[in-house]
């Protein structure tokens, strides 16, 4: 596992035990995504998921104390079983998000590793250093790392299910 901080990017690189085809399946099926998208005990509801460049991507995350975060965005690039790029700065059809909170772009890459698992990288790009620092202080490495662990665990149940 590698965590890296660049001037504007936050990066987590992991070797997942599940094969890339199952990691992709868990990432691209909204019913599966809802099970791992935020750290438990939080829950996620996928309200839009049009997996294509320009397609809407929206989740609503709910916390145990009644917290609610609506997270609209758009897919920018999708390469089957290799890459998913999405942003919180735009919504469906490239429409700018009026109040997108912390604007960021995420680049998720997946590759086969030599042991049959997946080399997985989540790279999150920010507009400026202040945005990156804010996202890191919000618990980026812990939160996104937990979600990646949940993604891998769910994918492995599909493998053995």
N, C-alpha and C. Protein backbone atom coordinates (compact mmCIF):
# COMPACT_ATOMS: atom_id res chain seq x y z
N UNK A 1 0.85 -1.17 0.00
CA UNK A 1 0.00 0.00 0.00
C UNK A 1 0.89 1.24 0.00
N UNK A 2 0.53 2.19 -0.83
CA UNK A 2 1.25 3.44 -0.89
C UNK A 2 0.27 4.60 -0.81
N UNK A 3 0.58 5.55 0.04
CA UNK A 3 -0.16 6.81 0.10
C UNK A 3 0.83 7.89 -0.29
N UNK A 4 0.41 8.79 -1.14
CA UNK A 4 1.32 9.83 -1.62
C UNK A 4 0.59 11.16 -1.67
N UNK A 5 1.33 12.22 -1.37
CA UNK A 5 0.80 13.56 -1.46
C UNK A 5 1.69 14.35 -2.41
N UNK A 6 1.12 14.86 -3.49
CA UNK A 6 1.81 15.79 -4.37
C UNK A 6 1.31 17.19 -4.02
N UNK A 7 1.81 18.20 -4.71
CA UNK A 7 1.34 19.55 -4.42
C UNK A 7 -0.17 19.70 -4.58
N UNK A 8 -0.74 19.07 -5.59
CA UNK A 8 -2.17 19.23 -5.85
C UNK A 8 -2.95 17.91 -5.82
N UNK A 9 -2.26 16.78 -5.68
CA UNK A 9 -2.91 15.47 -5.77
C UNK A 9 -2.78 14.69 -4.47
N UNK A 10 -3.77 13.84 -4.22
CA UNK A 10 -3.71 12.83 -3.17
C UNK A 10 -3.81 11.48 -3.86
N UNK A 11 -2.93 10.54 -3.50
CA UNK A 11 -2.86 9.27 -4.22
C UNK A 11 -2.80 8.11 -3.25
N UNK A 12 -3.62 7.10 -3.51
CA UNK A 12 -3.55 5.83 -2.79
C UNK A 12 -3.35 4.73 -3.82
N UNK A 13 -2.32 3.91 -3.62
CA UNK A 13 -2.06 2.78 -4.50
C UNK A 13 -2.10 1.51 -3.66
N UNK A 14 -2.86 0.53 -4.13
CA UNK A 14 -3.02 -0.72 -3.38
C UNK A 14 -2.97 -1.93 -4.31
N UNK A 15 -2.54 -3.04 -3.76
CA UNK A 15 -2.69 -4.34 -4.41
C UNK A 15 -3.92 -4.99 -3.78
N UNK A 16 -4.95 -5.19 -4.58
CA UNK A 16 -6.17 -5.81 -4.10
C UNK A 16 -6.11 -7.31 -4.39
N UNK A 17 -6.75 -8.09 -3.56
CA UNK A 17 -6.74 -9.54 -3.74
C UNK A 17 -7.69 -9.98 -4.85
N UNK A 18 -8.77 -9.24 -5.03
CA UNK A 18 -9.76 -9.61 -6.04
C UNK A 18 -9.22 -9.33 -7.45
N UNK A 19 -9.60 -10.16 -8.41
CA UNK A 19 -9.17 -9.91 -9.79
C UNK A 19 -9.83 -8.65 -10.36
N UNK A 20 -9.17 -8.06 -11.34
CA UNK A 20 -9.62 -6.80 -11.92
C UNK A 20 -11.06 -6.88 -12.44
N UNK A 21 -11.45 -7.98 -13.05
CA UNK A 21 -12.81 -8.09 -13.59
C UNK A 21 -13.86 -7.93 -12.49
N UNK A 22 -13.57 -8.45 -11.29
CA UNK A 22 -14.53 -8.33 -10.19
C UNK A 22 -14.45 -6.96 -9.52
N UNK A 23 -13.26 -6.38 -9.44
CA UNK A 23 -13.14 -5.01 -8.93
C UNK A 23 -13.94 -4.08 -9.83
N UNK A 24 -13.80 -4.26 -11.14
CA UNK A 24 -14.55 -3.46 -12.10
C UNK A 24 -16.06 -3.66 -11.91
N UNK A 25 -16.49 -4.90 -11.75
CA UNK A 25 -17.92 -5.19 -11.57
C UNK A 25 -18.47 -4.50 -10.32
N UNK A 26 -17.71 -4.53 -9.22
CA UNK A 26 -18.16 -3.91 -7.98
C UNK A 26 -18.17 -2.39 -8.10
N UNK A 27 -17.23 -1.86 -8.87
CA UNK A 27 -17.16 -0.40 -9.06
C UNK A 27 -18.27 0.10 -9.99
N UNK A 28 -18.66 -0.67 -10.98
CA UNK A 28 -19.55 -0.17 -12.03
C UNK A 28 -21.00 -0.61 -11.91
N UNK A 29 -21.35 -1.34 -10.89
CA UNK A 29 -22.74 -1.73 -10.63
C UNK A 29 -23.23 -0.91 -9.44
N UNK A 30 -24.19 0.00 -9.66
CA UNK A 30 -24.64 0.85 -8.55
C UNK A 30 -25.09 0.08 -7.31
N UNK A 31 -25.70 -1.10 -7.49
CA UNK A 31 -26.13 -1.89 -6.33
C UNK A 31 -24.93 -2.33 -5.49
N UNK A 32 -23.82 -2.64 -6.13
CA UNK A 32 -22.59 -2.98 -5.41
C UNK A 32 -21.94 -1.72 -4.84
N UNK A 33 -21.90 -0.65 -5.63
CA UNK A 33 -21.25 0.60 -5.21
C UNK A 33 -21.84 1.10 -3.89
N UNK A 34 -23.13 0.98 -3.74
CA UNK A 34 -23.78 1.44 -2.51
C UNK A 34 -23.26 0.71 -1.28
N UNK A 35 -22.73 -0.49 -1.45
CA UNK A 35 -22.26 -1.30 -0.31
C UNK A 35 -20.86 -0.92 0.17
N UNK A 36 -20.08 -0.23 -0.66
CA UNK A 36 -18.70 0.07 -0.27
C UNK A 36 -18.30 1.54 -0.40
N UNK A 37 -19.14 2.39 -0.97
CA UNK A 37 -18.76 3.74 -1.37
C UNK A 37 -18.36 4.65 -0.23
N UNK A 38 -18.86 4.44 0.98
CA UNK A 38 -18.44 5.27 2.11
C UNK A 38 -18.15 4.36 3.31
N UNK A 39 -17.28 4.83 4.22
CA UNK A 39 -16.92 3.99 5.36
C UNK A 39 -18.12 3.70 6.25
N UNK A 40 -18.29 2.45 6.63
CA UNK A 40 -19.36 2.08 7.55
C UNK A 40 -19.10 2.73 8.90
N UNK A 41 -20.08 3.21 9.62
CA UNK A 41 -21.49 2.91 9.50
C UNK A 41 -22.26 3.83 8.55
N UNK A 42 -21.57 4.69 7.82
CA UNK A 42 -22.22 5.52 6.82
C UNK A 42 -22.83 4.64 5.74
N UNK A 43 -23.86 5.16 5.07
CA UNK A 43 -24.48 4.44 3.95
C UNK A 43 -24.47 5.34 2.73
N UNK A 44 -24.58 4.71 1.57
CA UNK A 44 -24.60 5.46 0.32
C UNK A 44 -25.78 5.01 -0.53
N UNK A 45 -26.38 5.97 -1.18
CA UNK A 45 -27.45 5.71 -2.16
C UNK A 45 -26.97 6.30 -3.48
N UNK A 46 -27.01 5.50 -4.53
CA UNK A 46 -26.64 5.98 -5.86
C UNK A 46 -27.92 6.43 -6.55
N UNK A 47 -28.00 7.73 -6.87
CA UNK A 47 -29.20 8.26 -7.51
C UNK A 47 -29.04 8.44 -9.02
N UNK A 48 -27.80 8.58 -9.49
CA UNK A 48 -27.51 8.66 -10.94
C UNK A 48 -26.21 7.91 -11.18
N UNK A 49 -26.19 7.13 -12.25
CA UNK A 49 -24.97 6.39 -12.58
C UNK A 49 -25.01 6.03 -14.06
N UNK A 50 -24.64 6.98 -14.89
CA UNK A 50 -24.61 6.79 -16.34
C UNK A 50 -23.14 6.68 -16.75
N UNK A 51 -22.64 5.46 -16.75
CA UNK A 51 -21.20 5.19 -16.91
C UNK A 51 -20.74 5.41 -18.34
N UNK A 52 -20.56 6.68 -18.68
CA UNK A 52 -20.02 7.08 -19.98
C UNK A 52 -19.51 8.52 -19.83
N UNK A 53 -18.62 8.92 -20.71
CA UNK A 53 -18.12 10.29 -20.67
C UNK A 53 -19.31 11.25 -20.79
N UNK A 54 -19.44 12.16 -19.82
CA UNK A 54 -20.55 13.10 -19.78
C UNK A 54 -21.75 12.61 -19.01
N UNK A 55 -21.72 11.35 -18.57
CA UNK A 55 -22.84 10.78 -17.82
C UNK A 55 -22.84 11.22 -16.37
N UNK A 56 -24.02 11.30 -15.80
CA UNK A 56 -24.17 11.73 -14.40
C UNK A 56 -23.70 10.65 -13.44
N UNK A 57 -23.13 11.12 -12.32
CA UNK A 57 -22.70 10.26 -11.23
C UNK A 57 -23.08 11.00 -9.96
N UNK A 58 -24.04 10.46 -9.19
CA UNK A 58 -24.48 11.15 -7.99
C UNK A 58 -24.76 10.14 -6.89
N UNK A 59 -24.23 10.45 -5.71
CA UNK A 59 -24.50 9.63 -4.54
C UNK A 59 -24.99 10.53 -3.41
N UNK A 60 -25.76 9.93 -2.53
CA UNK A 60 -26.16 10.60 -1.30
C UNK A 60 -25.61 9.73 -0.17
N UNK A 61 -24.76 10.33 0.65
CA UNK A 61 -24.16 9.62 1.77
C UNK A 61 -24.85 10.08 3.05
N UNK A 62 -25.16 9.10 3.90
CA UNK A 62 -25.85 9.40 5.16
C UNK A 62 -25.04 8.85 6.33
N UNK A 63 -24.90 9.70 7.36
CA UNK A 63 -24.15 9.31 8.55
C UNK A 63 -25.05 8.81 9.65
N UNK A 64 -24.47 8.19 10.66
CA UNK A 64 -25.24 7.61 11.76
C UNK A 64 -25.93 8.65 12.64
N UNK A 65 -25.49 9.91 12.57
CA UNK A 65 -26.09 10.98 13.36
C UNK A 65 -27.05 11.83 12.52
N UNK A 66 -27.47 11.31 11.37
CA UNK A 66 -28.39 12.04 10.51
C UNK A 66 -27.72 12.95 9.49
N UNK A 67 -26.39 12.93 9.40
CA UNK A 67 -25.69 13.73 8.41
C UNK A 67 -26.08 13.26 7.01
N UNK A 68 -26.09 14.22 6.08
CA UNK A 68 -26.44 13.89 4.70
C UNK A 68 -25.59 14.73 3.76
N UNK A 69 -24.91 14.05 2.84
CA UNK A 69 -24.08 14.72 1.85
C UNK A 69 -24.51 14.26 0.47
N UNK A 70 -24.98 15.21 -0.32
CA UNK A 70 -25.36 14.96 -1.71
C UNK A 70 -24.14 15.25 -2.56
N UNK A 71 -23.70 14.27 -3.33
CA UNK A 71 -22.46 14.41 -4.11
C UNK A 71 -22.71 14.21 -5.60
N UNK A 72 -23.08 15.28 -6.31
CA UNK A 72 -23.26 15.16 -7.76
C UNK A 72 -21.92 15.22 -8.48
N UNK A 73 -21.89 14.67 -9.66
CA UNK A 73 -20.68 14.72 -10.47
C UNK A 73 -20.94 14.16 -11.84
N UNK A 74 -19.87 14.03 -12.60
CA UNK A 74 -19.97 13.49 -13.96
C UNK A 74 -18.75 12.64 -14.26
N UNK A 75 -18.98 11.62 -15.06
CA UNK A 75 -17.88 10.83 -15.58
C UNK A 75 -17.22 11.59 -16.72
N UNK A 76 -15.91 11.60 -16.73
CA UNK A 76 -15.16 12.27 -17.79
C UNK A 76 -14.59 11.28 -18.79
N UNK A 77 -14.20 10.10 -18.29
CA UNK A 77 -13.58 9.09 -19.14
C UNK A 77 -13.83 7.72 -18.52
N UNK A 78 -14.13 6.74 -19.36
CA UNK A 78 -14.33 5.37 -18.90
C UNK A 78 -13.67 4.45 -19.91
N UNK A 79 -12.72 3.65 -19.44
CA UNK A 79 -12.07 2.64 -20.28
C UNK A 79 -12.29 1.31 -19.57
N UNK A 80 -13.04 0.43 -20.21
CA UNK A 80 -13.48 -0.84 -19.62
C UNK A 80 -12.34 -1.57 -18.90
N UNK A 81 -12.57 -1.84 -17.64
CA UNK A 81 -11.67 -2.58 -16.74
C UNK A 81 -10.29 -1.95 -16.58
N UNK A 82 -10.13 -0.68 -16.96
CA UNK A 82 -8.82 -0.02 -16.81
C UNK A 82 -8.89 1.31 -16.08
N UNK A 83 -9.89 2.15 -16.42
CA UNK A 83 -9.87 3.51 -15.87
C UNK A 83 -11.29 4.08 -15.78
N UNK A 84 -11.51 4.79 -14.69
CA UNK A 84 -12.73 5.59 -14.49
C UNK A 84 -12.27 6.95 -14.01
N UNK A 85 -12.69 8.00 -14.71
CA UNK A 85 -12.37 9.37 -14.32
C UNK A 85 -13.69 10.10 -14.08
N UNK A 86 -13.81 10.71 -12.89
CA UNK A 86 -15.01 11.47 -12.60
C UNK A 86 -14.64 12.75 -11.87
N UNK A 87 -15.57 13.71 -11.88
CA UNK A 87 -15.33 14.99 -11.23
C UNK A 87 -16.56 15.44 -10.45
N UNK A 88 -16.31 16.21 -9.41
CA UNK A 88 -17.40 16.83 -8.65
C UNK A 88 -17.67 18.24 -9.15
N UNK A 89 -16.87 18.72 -10.10
CA UNK A 89 -17.01 20.08 -10.61
C UNK A 89 -18.06 20.20 -11.71
N UNK A 90 -18.42 19.06 -12.31
CA UNK A 90 -19.40 19.05 -13.41
C UNK A 90 -20.48 18.03 -13.11
N UNK A 91 -21.65 18.24 -13.70
CA UNK A 91 -22.72 17.25 -13.62
C UNK A 91 -23.00 16.75 -15.03
N UNK A 92 -24.09 16.03 -15.18
CA UNK A 92 -24.44 15.42 -16.46
C UNK A 92 -24.35 16.41 -17.61
N UNK A 93 -23.79 15.94 -18.73
CA UNK A 93 -23.69 16.76 -19.93
C UNK A 93 -22.71 17.91 -19.79
N UNK A 94 -21.74 17.78 -18.89
CA UNK A 94 -20.69 18.78 -18.68
C UNK A 94 -21.20 20.07 -18.02
N UNK A 95 -22.39 20.05 -17.41
CA UNK A 95 -22.95 21.23 -16.75
C UNK A 95 -22.18 21.51 -15.46
N UNK A 96 -21.64 22.73 -15.28
CA UNK A 96 -20.94 23.05 -14.03
C UNK A 96 -21.86 22.92 -12.82
N UNK A 97 -21.32 22.42 -11.73
CA UNK A 97 -22.06 22.27 -10.48
C UNK A 97 -22.01 23.60 -9.75
N UNK A 98 -23.17 24.14 -9.41
CA UNK A 98 -23.24 25.45 -8.77
C UNK A 98 -22.60 25.46 -7.39
N UNK A 99 -22.91 24.44 -6.58
CA UNK A 99 -22.34 24.36 -5.24
C UNK A 99 -21.79 22.96 -5.06
N UNK A 100 -20.62 22.73 -5.62
CA UNK A 100 -20.04 21.40 -5.59
C UNK A 100 -19.18 21.11 -4.38
N UNK A 101 -19.17 21.98 -3.39
CA UNK A 101 -18.34 21.75 -2.23
C UNK A 101 -16.87 21.83 -2.62
N UNK A 102 -16.14 20.79 -2.35
CA UNK A 102 -14.72 20.73 -2.68
C UNK A 102 -14.57 20.17 -4.09
N UNK A 103 -14.25 21.00 -5.09
CA UNK A 103 -14.12 20.49 -6.45
C UNK A 103 -12.88 19.62 -6.59
N UNK A 104 -13.07 18.47 -7.22
CA UNK A 104 -11.96 17.56 -7.42
C UNK A 104 -12.25 16.67 -8.62
N UNK A 105 -11.19 16.08 -9.14
CA UNK A 105 -11.31 15.07 -10.19
C UNK A 105 -10.60 13.83 -9.69
N UNK A 106 -11.25 12.68 -9.82
CA UNK A 106 -10.66 11.41 -9.39
C UNK A 106 -10.35 10.56 -10.61
N UNK A 107 -9.16 9.99 -10.61
CA UNK A 107 -8.74 9.06 -11.66
C UNK A 107 -8.49 7.72 -10.98
N UNK A 108 -9.35 6.76 -11.29
CA UNK A 108 -9.24 5.41 -10.73
C UNK A 108 -8.65 4.51 -11.82
N UNK A 109 -7.54 3.87 -11.53
CA UNK A 109 -6.95 2.95 -12.50
C UNK A 109 -6.85 1.56 -11.90
N UNK A 110 -7.00 0.58 -12.78
CA UNK A 110 -6.95 -0.83 -12.39
C UNK A 110 -6.11 -1.58 -13.40
N UNK A 111 -5.24 -2.44 -12.90
CA UNK A 111 -4.42 -3.28 -13.77
C UNK A 111 -4.27 -4.64 -13.12
N UNK A 112 -4.06 -5.67 -13.92
CA UNK A 112 -3.81 -7.00 -13.37
C UNK A 112 -2.46 -7.01 -12.68
N UNK A 113 -2.38 -7.70 -11.53
CA UNK A 113 -1.07 -7.91 -10.94
C UNK A 113 -0.65 -9.36 -11.18
N UNK A 114 0.59 -9.65 -10.88
CA UNK A 114 1.13 -10.97 -11.21
C UNK A 114 0.52 -12.10 -10.39
N UNK A 115 -0.16 -11.80 -9.29
CA UNK A 115 -0.77 -12.83 -8.45
C UNK A 115 -2.26 -13.02 -8.72
N UNK A 116 -2.78 -12.42 -9.79
CA UNK A 116 -4.19 -12.57 -10.12
C UNK A 116 -5.09 -11.55 -9.46
N UNK A 117 -4.51 -10.64 -8.71
CA UNK A 117 -5.28 -9.58 -8.08
C UNK A 117 -5.30 -8.34 -8.96
N UNK A 118 -5.45 -7.20 -8.33
CA UNK A 118 -5.57 -5.94 -9.05
C UNK A 118 -4.64 -4.89 -8.46
N UNK A 119 -3.90 -4.23 -9.32
CA UNK A 119 -3.18 -3.03 -8.92
C UNK A 119 -4.17 -1.88 -9.06
N UNK A 120 -4.48 -1.20 -7.98
CA UNK A 120 -5.55 -0.20 -7.93
C UNK A 120 -4.94 1.12 -7.48
N UNK A 121 -5.25 2.18 -8.21
CA UNK A 121 -4.81 3.50 -7.80
C UNK A 121 -5.97 4.47 -7.84
N UNK A 122 -6.10 5.23 -6.77
CA UNK A 122 -7.05 6.34 -6.71
C UNK A 122 -6.22 7.62 -6.62
N UNK A 123 -6.27 8.44 -7.65
CA UNK A 123 -5.55 9.71 -7.70
C UNK A 123 -6.60 10.82 -7.74
N UNK A 124 -6.55 11.72 -6.76
CA UNK A 124 -7.54 12.78 -6.68
C UNK A 124 -6.84 14.12 -6.90
N UNK A 125 -7.26 14.82 -7.94
CA UNK A 125 -6.66 16.09 -8.35
C UNK A 125 -7.49 17.25 -7.79
N UNK A 126 -6.79 18.27 -7.33
CA UNK A 126 -7.43 19.45 -6.76
C UNK A 126 -6.98 20.69 -7.52
N UNK A 127 -7.77 21.75 -7.46
CA UNK A 127 -7.48 22.98 -8.18
C UNK A 127 -6.28 23.71 -7.60
N UNK A 128 -6.09 23.58 -6.28
CA UNK A 128 -5.00 24.30 -5.65
C UNK A 128 -4.55 23.55 -4.41
N UNK A 129 -3.46 24.01 -3.84
CA UNK A 129 -2.89 23.34 -2.67
C UNK A 129 -3.83 23.39 -1.47
N UNK A 130 -4.53 24.50 -1.32
CA UNK A 130 -5.47 24.64 -0.20
C UNK A 130 -6.58 23.60 -0.29
N UNK A 131 -7.09 23.34 -1.49
CA UNK A 131 -8.11 22.32 -1.67
C UNK A 131 -7.60 20.93 -1.34
N UNK A 132 -6.37 20.66 -1.79
CA UNK A 132 -5.76 19.36 -1.48
C UNK A 132 -5.56 19.20 0.01
N UNK A 133 -5.05 20.24 0.66
CA UNK A 133 -4.82 20.16 2.10
C UNK A 133 -6.13 19.99 2.87
N UNK A 134 -7.17 20.68 2.43
CA UNK A 134 -8.48 20.56 3.07
C UNK A 134 -9.00 19.13 2.95
N UNK A 135 -8.87 18.55 1.76
CA UNK A 135 -9.34 17.19 1.53
C UNK A 135 -8.55 16.20 2.37
N UNK A 136 -7.25 16.40 2.48
CA UNK A 136 -6.42 15.51 3.30
C UNK A 136 -6.83 15.61 4.76
N UNK A 137 -7.07 16.83 5.26
CA UNK A 137 -7.47 17.03 6.66
C UNK A 137 -8.85 16.45 6.95
N UNK A 138 -9.70 16.37 5.92
CA UNK A 138 -11.03 15.77 6.08
C UNK A 138 -10.93 14.26 6.31
N UNK A 139 -9.74 13.70 6.16
CA UNK A 139 -9.57 12.26 6.38
C UNK A 139 -9.49 11.46 5.10
N UNK A 140 -8.96 12.08 4.05
CA UNK A 140 -8.89 11.41 2.75
C UNK A 140 -8.28 10.01 2.84
N UNK A 141 -7.08 9.90 3.38
CA UNK A 141 -6.39 8.60 3.36
C UNK A 141 -7.13 7.54 4.16
N UNK A 142 -7.63 7.91 5.32
CA UNK A 142 -8.39 6.95 6.13
C UNK A 142 -9.72 6.59 5.45
N UNK A 143 -10.46 7.61 5.03
CA UNK A 143 -11.78 7.36 4.44
C UNK A 143 -11.72 6.62 3.11
N UNK A 144 -10.91 7.13 2.17
CA UNK A 144 -10.82 6.47 0.88
C UNK A 144 -10.14 5.11 1.03
N UNK A 145 -9.17 5.00 1.95
CA UNK A 145 -8.52 3.71 2.19
C UNK A 145 -9.50 2.68 2.70
N UNK A 146 -10.36 3.07 3.63
CA UNK A 146 -11.39 2.16 4.15
C UNK A 146 -12.32 1.73 3.04
N UNK A 147 -12.72 2.66 2.19
CA UNK A 147 -13.62 2.33 1.07
C UNK A 147 -12.95 1.35 0.11
N UNK A 148 -11.68 1.52 -0.16
CA UNK A 148 -10.96 0.60 -1.05
C UNK A 148 -10.92 -0.80 -0.41
N UNK A 149 -10.70 -0.87 0.90
CA UNK A 149 -10.74 -2.16 1.59
C UNK A 149 -12.12 -2.80 1.46
N UNK A 150 -13.17 -1.99 1.62
CA UNK A 150 -14.54 -2.51 1.49
C UNK A 150 -14.82 -2.98 0.07
N UNK A 151 -14.33 -2.24 -0.93
CA UNK A 151 -14.48 -2.62 -2.33
C UNK A 151 -13.82 -3.98 -2.58
N UNK A 152 -12.59 -4.16 -2.11
CA UNK A 152 -11.86 -5.41 -2.30
C UNK A 152 -12.58 -6.57 -1.61
N UNK A 153 -13.04 -6.35 -0.39
CA UNK A 153 -13.74 -7.41 0.35
C UNK A 153 -15.02 -7.83 -0.38
N UNK A 154 -15.78 -6.86 -0.87
CA UNK A 154 -17.01 -7.19 -1.60
C UNK A 154 -16.69 -7.92 -2.89
N UNK A 155 -15.69 -7.46 -3.63
CA UNK A 155 -15.31 -8.13 -4.87
C UNK A 155 -14.89 -9.58 -4.61
N UNK A 156 -14.21 -9.82 -3.50
CA UNK A 156 -13.80 -11.17 -3.18
C UNK A 156 -14.99 -12.08 -2.86
N UNK A 157 -16.08 -11.52 -2.33
CA UNK A 157 -17.26 -12.36 -2.09
C UNK A 157 -17.89 -12.79 -3.40
N UNK A 158 -17.81 -11.94 -4.42
CA UNK A 158 -18.33 -12.31 -5.73
C UNK A 158 -17.49 -13.44 -6.32
N UNK A 159 -16.19 -13.36 -6.10
CA UNK A 159 -15.26 -14.37 -6.62
C UNK A 159 -15.59 -15.74 -6.04
N UNK A 160 -15.93 -15.75 -4.75
CA UNK A 160 -16.16 -17.01 -4.08
C UNK A 160 -17.64 -17.35 -3.97
N UNK A 161 -18.50 -16.46 -4.47
CA UNK A 161 -19.94 -16.65 -4.29
C UNK A 161 -20.53 -17.43 -5.30
